Amino acid sequence: MNTYAEYDISEHDPYLIPDSECLKNLLGHFDTATLNEAERRISQQTLAQIIASPVLPTFDLTHLCEIHRRLFRHIYAFAGQVRTMEVSKGGKLFLPYEVRPRFV
């Protein structure tokens, strides 16, 4: 996948580079295709590290956020944080922001 065409992107999404469909990232990429490739390579390496040293399994939102942080911390400043706006694909929300637990 080279773009986020199937995602419902808002022009006011704080996670996107302004006037772009590319996520803000720590790698300096401004192109979604190159960012996706870099993310794939880096997350494969960090996944191996997580397998070798797993996150303490509490199976709650904090646990999931820590996995996300460890997987993507070298790519995105927001890794491991609960998003502050809705994310949807094809008109279907991944996890509606309004129903998320507020303890994170």
Protein backbone atom coordinates (compact mmCIF):
# COMPACT_ATOMS: atom_id res chain seq x y z
CA MET A 1 0.00 0.00 0.00
CA ASN A 2 1.53 3.30 -1.07
CA THR A 3 -1.10 5.72 0.17
CA TYR A 4 -3.83 5.89 2.73
CA ALA A 5 -6.50 6.17 0.01
CA GLU A 6 -8.80 3.64 1.70
CA TYR A 7 -8.63 5.54 5.00
CA ASP A 8 -11.05 8.39 5.72
CA ILE A 9 -8.52 11.18 6.20
CA SER A 10 -9.44 14.53 7.66
CA GLU A 11 -7.54 17.57 6.45
CA HIS A 12 -7.37 18.59 10.12
CA ASP A 13 -5.71 15.36 11.26
CA PRO A 14 -2.94 16.40 13.67
CA TYR A 15 -1.02 13.22 12.83
CA LEU A 16 -0.50 14.19 9.18
CA ILE A 17 2.16 16.45 7.72
CA PRO A 18 0.24 19.62 6.73
CA ASP A 19 -1.15 19.52 3.16
CA SER A 20 -0.17 15.85 2.89
CA GLU A 21 -1.51 12.34 3.37
CA CYS A 22 1.79 11.28 4.98
CA LEU A 23 1.97 10.73 8.72
CA LYS A 24 4.31 12.96 10.71
CA ASN A 25 7.35 10.87 11.43
CA LEU A 26 10.76 10.95 13.10
CA LEU A 27 12.51 9.69 9.98
CA GLY A 28 12.01 12.82 7.88
CA HIS A 29 9.90 11.13 5.20
CA PHE A 30 7.34 13.23 3.33
CA ASP A 31 6.20 10.43 1.04
CA THR A 32 3.85 7.72 2.25
CA ALA A 33 5.39 4.98 0.10
CA THR A 34 8.90 5.49 1.48
CA LEU A 35 7.55 5.91 5.01
CA ASN A 36 5.61 2.64 4.72
CA GLU A 37 8.74 0.81 3.53
CA ALA A 38 10.84 2.24 6.37
CA GLU A 39 8.09 1.38 8.87
CA ARG A 40 8.00 -2.20 7.58
CA ARG A 41 11.75 -2.66 7.95
CA ILE A 42 12.01 -1.02 11.37
CA SER A 43 8.93 -2.68 12.84
CA GLN A 44 10.20 -6.12 11.77
CA GLN A 45 13.35 -5.49 13.81
CA THR A 46 11.49 -4.13 16.82
CA LEU A 47 9.00 -7.00 16.70
CA ALA A 48 11.91 -9.41 17.06
CA GLN A 49 13.02 -7.44 20.13
CA ILE A 50 9.51 -7.58 21.61
CA ILE A 51 9.39 -11.33 21.08
CA ALA A 52 12.74 -11.69 22.83
CA SER A 53 11.67 -9.38 25.68
CA PRO A 54 7.85 -9.29 25.81
CA VAL A 55 5.72 -6.59 27.34
CA LEU A 56 4.24 -7.65 30.69
CA PRO A 57 0.88 -9.14 29.60
CA THR A 58 -1.92 -7.30 31.37
CA PHE A 59 -4.14 -7.37 28.26
CA ASP A 60 -5.54 -3.90 28.88
CA LEU A 61 -5.22 -0.59 27.05
CA THR A 62 -1.95 0.23 28.80
CA HIS A 63 -0.52 -3.10 27.61
CA LEU A 64 -1.58 -2.44 24.01
CA CYS A 65 -0.18 1.11 24.13
CA GLU A 66 3.18 -0.21 25.35
CA ILE A 67 3.35 -2.72 22.49
CA HIS A 68 2.55 0.09 20.03
CA ARG A 69 5.16 2.36 21.66
CA ARG A 70 7.85 -0.28 21.46
CA LEU A 71 7.00 -1.18 17.86
CA PHE A 72 6.87 2.35 16.49
CA ARG A 73 8.82 4.64 18.89
CA HIS A 74 11.65 5.11 16.39
CA ILE A 75 9.20 6.13 13.68
CA TYR A 76 6.42 8.20 15.28
CA ALA A 77 6.51 10.65 18.19
CA PHE A 78 2.92 9.63 19.03
CA ALA A 79 3.73 5.91 19.30
CA GLY A 80 2.00 4.35 22.28
CA GLN A 81 -0.41 7.22 22.80
CA VAL A 82 -4.16 6.97 22.40
CA ARG A 83 -5.18 9.00 19.36
CA THR A 84 -7.08 12.20 19.94
CA MET A 85 -9.37 11.94 16.91
CA GLU A 86 -11.37 9.31 15.10
CA VAL A 87 -9.65 6.94 12.70
CA SER A 88 -11.81 5.22 10.12
CA LYS A 89 -11.44 3.12 7.03
CA GLY A 90 -14.20 2.84 4.48
CA GLY A 91 -16.55 4.71 6.80
CA LYS A 92 -16.03 2.23 9.67
CA LEU A 93 -14.32 3.42 12.86
CA PHE A 94 -11.44 1.34 14.23
CA LEU A 95 -12.23 2.23 17.82
CA PRO A 96 -14.52 5.21 18.25
CA TYR A 97 -12.73 7.86 20.30
CA GLU A 98 -15.89 8.62 22.28
CA VAL A 99 -16.02 5.10 23.78
CA ARG A 100 -12.32 4.70 24.62
CA PRO A 101 -11.39 4.36 28.28
CA ARG A 102 -10.05 7.64 29.66
CA PHE A 103 -7.45 6.18 32.05
CA VAL A 104 -4.46 6.43 29.68
